Amino acid sequence: MTANAEVIALIATLHQTEQRLKELTAGEVDSVMDSTGRTSLLRHAQEELRQSEAAKQAAILELKSANAELEAFSRSVSHDLRTPLHQIIGFVELLLQDSGPPLSAQQLEFLATILQSANHMGTLIDDLLSFSRTAHVELCKVQVDAGLLVNDALGEFKLQTAERAIVWNIHPLPQVWADRALMRMVLINLISNAVKFTSVRTEPQIEIGCTPDAGEGTVFFIRDNGAGFDPAKAEKLFGAFQRMHSQTQFKGTGIGLATVQRIIHRHGGRIWAEGSVDGGATFYFSLPGRTPLPG
């Protein structure tokens, strides 16, 4: 069990104890002891309640401190890794450009593999920093035209999809109350997934729209006919470093969906997915109205 999980379990236990102490009635106590004993028990219960509250607050502070330390560690490590990684990439690129005949085909292949791995590490560092920032950046919520934002996000994929005959079905989308920059990040991550996992299709299709209000604000969806996923593992989709496919099948860092979930939760919404193996996937996320939860 992780430190965070232990702290959460302690808080839950303390909360149950507190609730039980509050539920004690005079009738229950009368059934087992006289007035003097009842007074003593109630005083003891009040003391237990004070202690449990203090322990709960201490556990909450410990959890917040642990999370803050983890975020700081992530940022520090990510920044410290950048310089040596850029040097590795730079020198490998120079070797590939100026190697000439002395290097064999196998040696050139080794260098190409080093370069590919270093670039993947660079992407992982960038994703970790992005994931870390989304926990602390102050939300700047404004009225956002979701249709225009989707069109803007799609511009990021023009070169990547230029030679692919993707059928895009973009429905009219409403205005929402959200942080524009963070919502753009959400859309880019989800659209990127759809583009990536439909690469196995000769006739890829991606649909973006929203569903009728079901009591939780506006619900958007991004649907594709790609590789899909095992629905039994749907809960793991949004965990950091969780991947449903191997790196050889589909490249990625396993952080994008965790970042998306964090952003949606900070907006007071929720995100979930439906899909099947080789049957495509649909990602849904909700955004509350003008009075969302504080970010």
C-alpha atoms as a PDB file:
ATOM      1  CA  MET A   1       0.000   0.000   0.000  1.00  0.00           C
ATOM      2  CA  THR A   2       1.353   3.471  -0.882  1.00  0.00           C
ATOM      3  CA  ALA A   3       1.794   6.280   1.638  1.00  0.00           C
ATOM      4  CA  ASN A   4      -1.142   8.158   0.109  1.00  0.00           C
ATOM      5  CA  ALA A   5      -3.360   5.087   0.323  1.00  0.00           C
ATOM      6  CA  GLU A   6      -2.431   4.559   3.982  1.00  0.00           C
ATOM      7  CA  VAL A   7      -3.285   8.158   4.820  1.00  0.00           C
ATOM      8  CA  ILE A   8      -6.621   7.901   3.001  1.00  0.00           C
ATOM      9  CA  ALA A   9      -7.440   4.661   4.838  1.00  0.00           C
ATOM     10  CA  LEU A  10      -6.623   6.329   8.170  1.00  0.00           C
ATOM     11  CA  ILE A  11      -8.904   9.253   7.370  1.00  0.00           C
ATOM     12  CA  ALA A  12     -11.733   6.847   6.498  1.00  0.00           C
ATOM     13  CA  THR A  13     -11.289   4.931   9.763  1.00  0.00           C
ATOM     14  CA  LEU A  14     -11.241   8.119  11.813  1.00  0.00           C
ATOM     15  CA  HIS A  15     -14.338   9.352  10.029  1.00  0.00           C
ATOM     16  CA  GLN A  16     -16.222   6.119  10.846  1.00  0.00           C
ATOM     17  CA  THR A  17     -15.201   6.405  14.513  1.00  0.00           C
ATOM     18  CA  GLU A  18     -16.346  10.008  14.612  1.00  0.00           C
ATOM     19  CA  GLN A  19     -19.717   9.146  13.090  1.00  0.00           C
ATOM     20  CA  ARG A  20     -20.276   6.318  15.560  1.00  0.00           C
ATOM     21  CA  LEU A  21     -19.502   8.581  18.511  1.00  0.00           C
ATOM     22  CA  LYS A  22     -21.968  11.146  17.225  1.00  0.00           C
ATOM     23  CA  GLU A  23     -24.639   8.474  16.823  1.00  0.00           C
ATOM     24  CA  LEU A  24     -24.488   7.401  20.479  1.00  0.00           C
ATOM     25  CA  THR A  25     -27.785   8.350  22.127  1.00  0.00           C
ATOM     26  CA  ALA A  26     -28.643   8.786  25.781  1.00  0.00           C
ATOM     27  CA  GLY A  27     -31.007   5.844  25.473  1.00  0.00           C
ATOM     28  CA  GLU A  28     -28.197   3.535  24.364  1.00  0.00           C
ATOM     29  CA  VAL A  29     -26.020   4.649  27.230  1.00  0.00           C
ATOM     30  CA  ASP A  30     -28.895   4.416  29.784  1.00  0.00           C
ATOM     31  CA  SER A  31     -29.347   0.794  28.899  1.00  0.00           C
ATOM     32  CA  VAL A  32     -25.898  -0.090  30.200  1.00  0.00           C
ATOM     33  CA  MET A  33     -25.054   2.307  33.040  1.00  0.00           C
ATOM     34  CA  ASP A  34     -26.283   4.900  35.531  1.00  0.00           C
ATOM     35  CA  SER A  35     -26.049   8.685  35.296  1.00  0.00           C
ATOM     36  CA  THR A  36     -22.506   8.878  36.701  1.00  0.00           C
ATOM     37  CA  GLY A  37     -21.244   6.244  34.324  1.00  0.00           C
ATOM     38  CA  ARG A  38     -23.067   7.909  31.427  1.00  0.00           C
ATOM     39  CA  THR A  39     -21.416  11.250  32.145  1.00  0.00           C
ATOM     40  CA  SER A  40     -18.016   9.595  32.263  1.00  0.00           C
ATOM     41  CA  LEU A  41     -18.635   7.783  28.999  1.00  0.00           C
ATOM     42  CA  LEU A  42     -19.840  10.909  27.225  1.00  0.00           C
ATOM     43  CA  ARG A  43     -16.777  12.839  28.414  1.00  0.00           C
ATOM     44  CA  HIS A  44     -14.595  10.031  27.154  1.00  0.00           C
ATOM     45  CA  ALA A  45     -16.470  10.075  23.854  1.00  0.00           C
ATOM     46  CA  GLN A  46     -15.964  13.822  23.495  1.00  0.00           C
ATOM     47  CA  GLU A  47     -12.241  13.415  24.125  1.00  0.00           C
ATOM     48  CA  GLU A  48     -12.063  10.609  21.569  1.00  0.00           C
ATOM     49  CA  LEU A  49     -13.894  12.835  19.124  1.00  0.00           C
ATOM     50  CA  ARG A  50     -11.425  15.697  19.651  1.00  0.00           C
ATOM     51  CA  GLN A  51      -8.494  13.352  19.213  1.00  0.00           C
ATOM     52  CA  SER A  52      -9.938  11.783  16.084  1.00  0.00           C
ATOM     53  CA  GLU A  53     -10.561  15.209  14.571  1.00  0.00           C
ATOM     54  CA  ALA A  54      -6.988  16.269  15.322  1.00  0.00           C
ATOM     55  CA  ALA A  55      -5.648  13.029  13.863  1.00  0.00           C
ATOM     56  CA  LYS A  56      -7.806  13.482  10.763  1.00  0.00           C
ATOM     57  CA  GLN A  57      -6.549  17.030  10.193  1.00  0.00           C
ATOM     58  CA  ALA A  58      -2.967  15.847  10.675  1.00  0.00           C
ATOM     59  CA  ALA A  59      -3.522  13.066   8.150  1.00  0.00           C
ATOM     60  CA  ILE A  60      -4.981  15.534   5.637  1.00  0.00           C
ATOM     61  CA  LEU A  61      -1.979  17.825   6.067  1.00  0.00           C
ATOM     62  CA  GLU A  62       0.365  14.851   5.622  1.00  0.00           C
ATOM     63  CA  LEU A  63      -1.430  13.855   2.433  1.00  0.00           C
ATOM     64  CA  LYS A  64      -1.254  17.405   1.041  1.00  0.00           C
ATOM     65  CA  SER A  65       2.430  17.606   1.955  1.00  0.00           C
ATOM     66  CA  ALA A  66       3.169  14.255   0.294  1.00  0.00           C
ATOM     67  CA  ASN A  67       1.383  15.336  -2.889  1.00  0.00           C
ATOM     68  CA  ALA A  68       3.227  18.671  -2.915  1.00  0.00           C
ATOM     69  CA  GLU A  69       6.574  16.909  -2.483  1.00  0.00           C
ATOM     70  CA  LEU A  70       5.726  14.491  -5.289  1.00  0.00           C
ATOM     71  CA  GLU A  71       4.814  17.331  -7.638  1.00  0.00           C
ATOM     72  CA  ALA A  72       7.999  19.248  -6.736  1.00  0.00           C
ATOM     73  CA  PHE A  73      10.096  16.122  -7.269  1.00  0.00           C
ATOM     74  CA  SER A  74       8.478  15.531 -10.650  1.00  0.00           C
ATOM     75  CA  ARG A  75       9.181  19.081 -11.800  1.00  0.00           C
ATOM     76  CA  SER A  76      12.758  19.037 -10.493  1.00  0.00           C
ATOM     77  CA  VAL A  77      13.639  15.688 -12.043  1.00  0.00           C
ATOM     78  CA  SER A  78      12.021  16.647 -15.335  1.00  0.00           C
ATOM     79  CA  HIS A  79      13.971  19.908 -15.554  1.00  0.00           C
ATOM     80  CA  ASP A  80      17.250  18.281 -14.507  1.00  0.00           C
ATOM     81  CA  LEU A  81      16.866  15.600 -17.173  1.00  0.00           C
ATOM     82  CA  ARG A  82      16.393  18.057 -20.021  1.00  0.00           C
ATOM     83  CA  THR A  83      19.998  19.255 -20.424  1.00  0.00           C
ATOM     84  CA  PRO A  84      21.754  15.863 -20.636  1.00  0.00           C
ATOM     85  CA  LEU A  85      18.964  14.522 -22.819  1.00  0.00           C
ATOM     86  CA  HIS A  86      19.300  17.388 -25.298  1.00  0.00           C
ATOM     87  CA  GLN A  87      23.046  16.720 -25.438  1.00  0.00           C
ATOM     88  CA  ILE A  88      22.465  13.040 -26.211  1.00  0.00           C
ATOM     89  CA  ILE A  89      20.001  13.893 -28.988  1.00  0.00           C
ATOM     90  CA  GLY A  90      22.307  16.566 -30.426  1.00  0.00           C
ATOM     91  CA  PHE A  91      25.423  14.382 -30.572  1.00  0.00           C
ATOM     92  CA  VAL A  92      23.540  11.380 -32.000  1.00  0.00           C
ATOM     93  CA  GLU A  93      22.084  13.594 -34.740  1.00  0.00           C
ATOM     94  CA  LEU A  94      25.604  14.855 -35.547  1.00  0.00           C
ATOM     95  CA  LEU A  95      26.888  11.286 -35.780  1.00  0.00           C
ATOM     96  CA  LEU A  96      24.053  10.297 -38.097  1.00  0.00           C
ATOM     97  CA  GLN A  97      24.674  13.306 -40.329  1.00  0.00           C
ATOM     98  CA  ASP A  98      28.485  13.089 -40.497  1.00  0.00           C
ATOM     99  CA  SER A  99      29.191   9.404 -39.914  1.00  0.00           C
ATOM    100  CA  GLY A 100      29.947   8.516 -43.527  1.00  0.00           C
ATOM    101  CA  PRO A 101      31.275   5.092 -44.642  1.00  0.00           C
ATOM    102  CA  PRO A 102      33.183   4.156 -41.426  1.00  0.00           C
ATOM    103  CA  LEU A 103      29.942   3.144 -39.648  1.00  0.00           C
ATOM    104  CA  SER A 104      28.241  -0.082 -40.626  1.00  0.00           C
ATOM    105  CA  ALA A 105      24.531  -0.377 -41.326  1.00  0.00           C
ATOM    106  CA  GLN A 106      24.042  -2.017 -37.934  1.00  0.00           C
ATOM    107  CA  GLN A 107      25.890   0.788 -36.151  1.00  0.00           C
ATOM    108  CA  LEU A 108      23.732   3.349 -37.923  1.00  0.00           C
ATOM    109  CA  GLU A 109      20.681   1.388 -36.823  1.00  0.00           C
ATOM    110  CA  PHE A 110      21.923   1.483 -33.222  1.00  0.00           C
ATOM    111  CA  LEU A 111      22.317   5.249 -33.391  1.00  0.00           C
ATOM    112  CA  ALA A 112      18.831   5.621 -34.852  1.00  0.00           C
ATOM    113  CA  THR A 113      17.433   3.531 -31.993  1.00  0.00           C
ATOM    114  CA  ILE A 114      19.241   5.696 -29.413  1.00  0.00           C
ATOM    115  CA  LEU A 115      17.824   8.813 -31.056  1.00  0.00           C
ATOM    116  CA  GLN A 116      14.313   7.376 -31.103  1.00  0.00           C
ATOM    117  CA  SER A 117      14.507   6.402 -27.410  1.00  0.00           C
ATOM    118  CA  ALA A 118      15.914   9.798 -26.418  1.00  0.00           C
ATOM    119  CA  ASN A 119      13.132  11.584 -28.281  1.00  0.00           C
ATOM    120  CA  HIS A 120      10.577   9.366 -26.535  1.00  0.00           C
ATOM    121  CA  MET A 121      12.114  10.294 -23.179  1.00  0.00           C
ATOM    122  CA  GLY A 122      11.859  13.959 -24.146  1.00  0.00           C
ATOM    123  CA  THR A 123       8.171  13.528 -24.870  1.00  0.00           C
ATOM    124  CA  LEU A 124       7.718  11.753 -21.538  1.00  0.00           C
ATOM    125  CA  ILE A 125       9.409  14.633 -19.694  1.00  0.00           C
ATOM    126  CA  ASP A 126       7.203  17.176 -21.463  1.00  0.00           C
ATOM    127  CA  ASP A 127       4.084  15.173 -20.581  1.00  0.00           C
ATOM    128  CA  LEU A 128       5.155  14.871 -16.938  1.00  0.00           C
ATOM    129  CA  LEU A 129       5.664  18.622 -16.705  1.00  0.00           C
ATOM    130  CA  SER A 130       2.304  19.232 -18.330  1.00  0.00           C
ATOM    131  CA  PHE A 131       0.630  16.809 -15.914  1.00  0.00           C
ATOM    132  CA  SER A 132       2.316  18.545 -12.963  1.00  0.00           C
ATOM    133  CA  ARG A 133       1.358  22.052 -14.089  1.00  0.00           C
ATOM    134  CA  THR A 134      -2.328  21.208 -14.481  1.00  0.00           C
ATOM    135  CA  ALA A 135      -2.565  20.622 -10.721  1.00  0.00           C
ATOM    136  CA  HIS A 136      -1.379  24.137  -9.823  1.00  0.00           C
ATOM    137  CA  VAL A 137      -2.168  26.509 -12.671  1.00  0.00           C
ATOM    138  CA  GLU A 138      -4.931  28.943 -11.749  1.00  0.00           C
ATOM    139  CA  LEU A 139      -8.111  28.398 -13.736  1.00  0.00           C
ATOM    140  CA  CYS A 140      -9.204  31.339 -15.883  1.00  0.00           C
ATOM    141  CA  LYS A 141     -12.773  30.491 -16.818  1.00  0.00           C
ATOM    142  CA  VAL A 142     -14.485  32.404 -19.601  1.00  0.00           C
ATOM    143  CA  GLN A 143     -17.269  31.795 -22.068  1.00  0.00           C
ATOM    144  CA  VAL A 144     -15.751  29.473 -24.693  1.00  0.00           C
ATOM    145  CA  ASP A 145     -17.214  28.556 -28.072  1.00  0.00           C
ATOM    146  CA  ALA A 146     -16.577  24.794 -28.082  1.00  0.00           C
ATOM    147  CA  GLY A 147     -17.061  24.572 -31.857  1.00  0.00           C
ATOM    148  CA  LEU A 148     -14.338  27.134 -32.559  1.00  0.00           C
ATOM    149  CA  LEU A 149     -12.075  25.499 -29.989  1.00  0.00           C
ATOM    150  CA  VAL A 150     -12.452  22.095 -31.678  1.00  0.00           C
ATOM    151  CA  ASN A 151     -11.599  23.627 -35.069  1.00  0.00           C
ATOM    152  CA  ASP A 152      -8.544  25.261 -33.515  1.00  0.00           C
ATOM    153  CA  ALA A 153      -7.438  21.951 -31.974  1.00  0.00           C
ATOM    154  CA  LEU A 154      -7.929  20.117 -35.275  1.00  0.00           C
ATOM    155  CA  GLY A 155      -5.415  22.481 -36.855  1.00  0.00           C
ATOM    156  CA  GLU A 156      -2.716  20.707 -34.834  1.00  0.00           C
ATOM    157  CA  PHE A 157      -3.334  17.523 -36.845  1.00  0.00           C
ATOM    158  CA  LYS A 158      -3.384  18.820 -40.427  1.00  0.00           C
ATOM    159  CA  LEU A 159       0.138  17.710 -41.317  1.00  0.00           C
ATOM    160  CA  GLN A 160      -0.152  14.454 -39.356  1.00  0.00           C
ATOM    161  CA  THR A 161      -3.379  13.435 -41.130  1.00  0.00           C
ATOM    162  CA  ALA A 162      -2.723  14.969 -44.561  1.00  0.00           C
ATOM    163  CA  GLU A 163      -2.208  11.576 -46.224  1.00  0.00           C
ATOM    164  CA  ARG A 164      -4.974   9.810 -44.327  1.00  0.00           C
ATOM    165  CA  ALA A 165      -8.569   9.782 -45.537  1.00  0.00           C
ATOM    166  CA  ILE A 166     -10.121  10.372 -42.132  1.00  0.00           C
ATOM    167  CA  VAL A 167     -13.856  10.997 -42.193  1.00  0.00           C
ATOM    168  CA  TRP A 168     -14.513  13.786 -39.679  1.00  0.00           C
ATOM    169  CA  ASN A 169     -18.036  14.261 -38.363  1.00  0.00           C
ATOM    170  CA  ILE A 170     -18.112  17.435 -36.259  1.00  0.00           C
ATOM    171  CA  HIS A 171     -21.520  18.311 -34.804  1.00  0.00           C
ATOM    172  CA  PRO A 172     -22.589  21.830 -33.759  1.00  0.00           C
ATOM    173  CA  LEU A 173     -21.220  22.486 -30.272  1.00  0.00           C
ATOM    174  CA  PRO A 174     -22.412  24.922 -27.583  1.00  0.00           C
ATOM    175  CA  GLN A 175     -20.627  27.560 -25.573  1.00  0.00           C
ATOM    176  CA  VAL A 176     -19.223  26.461 -22.224  1.00  0.00           C
ATOM    177  CA  TRP A 177     -17.768  28.076 -19.119  1.00  0.00           C
ATOM    178  CA  ALA A 178     -14.175  26.856 -18.962  1.00  0.00           C
ATOM    179  CA  ASP A 179     -10.474  27.639 -19.023  1.00  0.00           C
ATOM    180  CA  ARG A 180      -9.788  27.936 -22.749  1.00  0.00           C
ATOM    181  CA  ALA A 181      -6.121  26.890 -22.696  1.00  0.00           C
ATOM    182  CA  LEU A 182      -6.760  23.818 -20.543  1.00  0.00           C
ATOM    183  CA  MET A 183      -9.816  22.768 -22.549  1.00  0.00           C
ATOM    184  CA  ARG A 184      -7.745  23.035 -25.716  1.00  0.00           C
ATOM    185  CA  MET A 185      -5.271  20.640 -24.064  1.00  0.00           C
ATOM    186  CA  VAL A 186      -8.148  18.244 -23.294  1.00  0.00           C
ATOM    187  CA  LEU A 187      -9.341  18.268 -26.903  1.00  0.00           C
ATOM    188  CA  ILE A 188      -5.846  17.865 -28.369  1.00  0.00           C
ATOM    189  CA  ASN A 189      -5.183  14.848 -26.134  1.00  0.00           C
ATOM    190  CA  LEU A 190      -8.486  13.152 -26.929  1.00  0.00           C
ATOM    191  CA  ILE A 191      -8.336  13.895 -30.661  1.00  0.00           C
ATOM    192  CA  SER A 192      -4.714  12.700 -30.720  1.00  0.00           C
ATOM    193  CA  ASN A 193      -5.843   9.389 -29.244  1.00  0.00           C
ATOM    194  CA  ALA A 194      -8.562   9.019 -31.861  1.00  0.00           C
ATOM    195  CA  VAL A 195      -6.122   9.821 -34.683  1.00  0.00           C
ATOM    196  CA  LYS A 196      -3.539   7.385 -33.316  1.00  0.00           C
ATOM    197  CA  PHE A 197      -5.839   4.431 -32.700  1.00  0.00           C
ATOM    198  CA  THR A 198      -7.626   4.742 -36.053  1.00  0.00           C
ATOM    199  CA  SER A 199      -4.304   4.312 -37.862  1.00  0.00           C
ATOM    200  CA  VAL A 200      -5.190   0.599 -38.115  1.00  0.00           C
ATOM    201  CA  ARG A 201      -8.270   1.414 -40.233  1.00  0.00           C
ATOM    202  CA  THR A 202      -8.411   1.829 -43.997  1.00  0.00           C
ATOM    203  CA  GLU A 203     -11.536   3.982 -43.514  1.00  0.00           C
ATOM    204  CA  PRO A 204     -10.949   5.850 -40.235  1.00  0.00           C
ATOM    205  CA  GLN A 205     -13.864   7.779 -38.766  1.00  0.00           C
ATOM    206  CA  ILE A 206     -13.824  10.311 -35.922  1.00  0.00           C
ATOM    207  CA  GLU A 207     -16.949  11.980 -34.554  1.00  0.00           C
ATOM    208  CA  ILE A 208     -17.106  14.905 -32.109  1.00  0.00           C
ATOM    209  CA  GLY A 209     -20.337  16.126 -30.566  1.00  0.00           C
ATOM    210  CA  CYS A 210     -22.339  16.546 -27.384  1.00  0.00           C
ATOM    211  CA  THR A 211     -25.227  14.664 -25.828  1.00  0.00           C
ATOM    212  CA  PRO A 212     -28.451  16.062 -24.305  1.00  0.00           C
ATOM    213  CA  ASP A 213     -28.051  17.514 -20.814  1.00  0.00           C
ATOM    214  CA  ALA A 214     -28.422  14.623 -18.369  1.00  0.00           C
ATOM    215  CA  GLY A 215     -28.358  16.724 -15.232  1.00  0.00           C
ATOM    216  CA  GLU A 216     -24.594  17.236 -15.103  1.00  0.00           C
ATOM    217  CA  GLY A 217     -24.090  20.120 -17.504  1.00  0.00           C
ATOM    218  CA  THR A 218     -22.823  19.732 -21.060  1.00  0.00           C
ATOM    219  CA  VAL A 219     -21.533  16.282 -22.006  1.00  0.00           C
ATOM    220  CA  PHE A 220     -19.111  16.088 -24.946  1.00  0.00           C
ATOM    221  CA  PHE A 221     -17.975  12.966 -26.747  1.00  0.00           C
ATOM    222  CA  ILE A 222     -15.181  11.999 -29.128  1.00  0.00           C
ATOM    223  CA  ARG A 223     -15.891   8.706 -30.904  1.00  0.00           C
ATOM    224  CA  ASP A 224     -13.677   6.689 -33.233  1.00  0.00           C
ATOM    225  CA  ASN A 225     -13.718   3.340 -35.035  1.00  0.00           C
ATOM    226  CA  GLY A 226     -10.159   2.470 -34.041  1.00  0.00           C
ATOM    227  CA  ALA A 227      -8.495  -0.284 -32.049  1.00  0.00           C
ATOM    228  CA  GLY A 228     -10.675   0.241 -28.980  1.00  0.00           C
ATOM    229  CA  PHE A 229      -9.877  -1.269 -25.582  1.00  0.00           C
ATOM    230  CA  ASP A 230     -10.923  -3.989 -23.177  1.00  0.00           C
ATOM    231  CA  PRO A 231     -13.957  -2.569 -21.297  1.00  0.00           C
ATOM    232  CA  ALA A 232     -12.967  -4.567 -18.206  1.00  0.00           C
ATOM    233  CA  LYS A 233      -9.916  -2.298 -17.945  1.00  0.00           C
ATOM    234  CA  ALA A 234     -11.758   0.981 -18.518  1.00  0.00           C
ATOM    235  CA  GLU A 235     -10.990   2.255 -15.000  1.00  0.00           C
ATOM    236  CA  LYS A 236      -7.260   2.039 -15.707  1.00  0.00           C
ATOM    237  CA  LEU A 237      -7.452   4.307 -18.743  1.00  0.00           C
ATOM    238  CA  PHE A 238      -7.047   7.494 -16.730  1.00  0.00           C
ATOM    239  CA  GLY A 239      -4.192   6.391 -14.475  1.00  0.00           C
ATOM    240  CA  ALA A 240      -0.742   7.846 -15.097  1.00  0.00           C
ATOM    241  CA  PHE A 241       1.513   5.487 -17.093  1.00  0.00           C
ATOM    242  CA  GLN A 242      -1.401   3.101 -17.724  1.00  0.00           C
ATOM    243  CA  ARG A 243      -1.415   1.765 -21.282  1.00  0.00           C
ATOM    244  CA  MET A 244      -3.911  -0.582 -22.950  1.00  0.00           C
ATOM    245  CA  HIS A 245      -1.589  -1.362 -25.886  1.00  0.00           C
ATOM    246  CA  SER A 246       2.122  -2.060 -26.225  1.00  0.00           C
ATOM    247  CA  GLN A 247       4.601   0.604 -27.286  1.00  0.00           C
ATOM    248  CA  THR A 248       5.278  -1.318 -30.498  1.00  0.00           C
ATOM    249  CA  GLN A 249       1.576  -1.161 -31.435  1.00  0.00           C
ATOM    250  CA  PHE A 250       0.925   2.483 -30.578  1.00  0.00           C
ATOM    251  CA  LYS A 251       3.467   4.958 -29.297  1.00  0.00           C
ATOM    252  CA  GLY A 252       2.684   7.045 -26.230  1.00  0.00           C
ATOM    253  CA  THR A 253       3.647   7.891 -22.653  1.00  0.00           C
ATOM    254  CA  GLY A 254       0.474   6.902 -20.820  1.00  0.00           C
ATOM    255  CA  ILE A 255       0.102  10.356 -19.242  1.00  0.00           C
ATOM    256  CA  GLY A 256      -2.257  12.145 -21.650  1.00  0.00           C
ATOM    257  CA  LEU A 257      -5.529  10.748 -20.290  1.00  0.00           C
ATOM    258  CA  ALA A 258      -4.416  11.300 -16.683  1.00  0.00           C
ATOM    259  CA  THR A 259      -3.820  14.952 -17.575  1.00  0.00           C
ATOM    260  CA  VAL A 260      -7.235  15.178 -19.238  1.00  0.00           C
ATOM    261  CA  GLN A 261      -8.944  13.702 -16.182  1.00  0.00           C
ATOM    262  CA  ARG A 262      -7.190  16.147 -13.853  1.00  0.00           C
ATOM    263  CA  ILE A 263      -8.308  19.118 -15.980  1.00  0.00           C
ATOM    264  CA  ILE A 264     -11.905  17.920 -16.183  1.00  0.00           C
ATOM    265  CA  HIS A 265     -12.045  17.273 -12.427  1.00  0.00           C
ATOM    266  CA  ARG A 266     -10.708  20.762 -11.752  1.00  0.00           C
ATOM    267  CA  HIS A 267     -13.590  22.106 -13.826  1.00  0.00           C
ATOM    268  CA  GLY A 268     -16.029  20.174 -11.640  1.00  0.00           C
ATOM    269  CA  GLY A 269     -16.867  17.624 -14.336  1.00  0.00           C
ATOM    270  CA  ARG A 270     -16.135  13.969 -14.906  1.00  0.00           C
ATOM    271  CA  ILE A 271     -14.729  11.837 -17.724  1.00  0.00           C
ATOM    272  CA  TRP A 272     -15.409   8.242 -18.726  1.00  0.00           C
ATOM    273  CA  ALA A 273     -15.038   5.962 -21.721  1.00  0.00           C
ATOM    274  CA  GLU A 274     -16.830   3.159 -23.547  1.00  0.00           C
ATOM    275  CA  GLY A 275     -15.301   0.771 -26.025  1.00  0.00           C
ATOM    276  CA  SER A 276     -14.479  -2.763 -27.031  1.00  0.00           C
ATOM    277  CA  VAL A 277     -11.443  -4.558 -28.372  1.00  0.00           C
ATOM    278  CA  ASP A 278     -11.121  -3.741 -32.092  1.00  0.00           C
ATOM    279  CA  GLY A 279     -14.501  -2.006 -31.873  1.00  0.00           C
ATOM    280  CA  GLY A 280     -13.555   1.635 -31.430  1.00  0.00           C
ATOM    281  CA  ALA A 281     -13.871   3.882 -28.411  1.00  0.00           C
ATOM    282  CA  THR A 282     -15.925   6.812 -27.195  1.00  0.00           C
ATOM    283  CA  PHE A 283     -14.644   9.253 -24.605  1.00  0.00           C
ATOM    284  CA  TYR A 284     -17.149  11.421 -22.741  1.00  0.00           C
ATOM    285  CA  PHE A 285     -16.529  14.386 -20.479  1.00  0.00           C
ATOM    286  CA  SER A 286     -18.941  16.713 -18.724  1.00  0.00           C
ATOM    287  CA  LEU A 287     -18.606  20.403 -17.927  1.00  0.00           C
ATOM    288  CA  PRO A 288     -20.903  22.073 -15.376  1.00  0.00           C
ATOM    289  CA  GLY A 289     -22.688  25.350 -15.957  1.00  0.00           C
ATOM    290  CA  ARG A 290     -21.681  28.880 -15.045  1.00  0.00           C
ATOM    291  CA  THR A 291     -21.185  28.061 -11.339  1.00  0.00           C
ATOM    292  CA  PRO A 292     -18.674  25.159 -11.339  1.00  0.00           C
ATOM    293  CA  LEU A 293     -16.696  23.830  -8.418  1.00  0.00           C
ATOM    294  CA  PRO A 294     -13.685  26.009  -7.502  1.00  0.00           C
ATOM    295  CA  GLY A 295     -10.500  25.094  -9.355  1.00  0.00           C
END
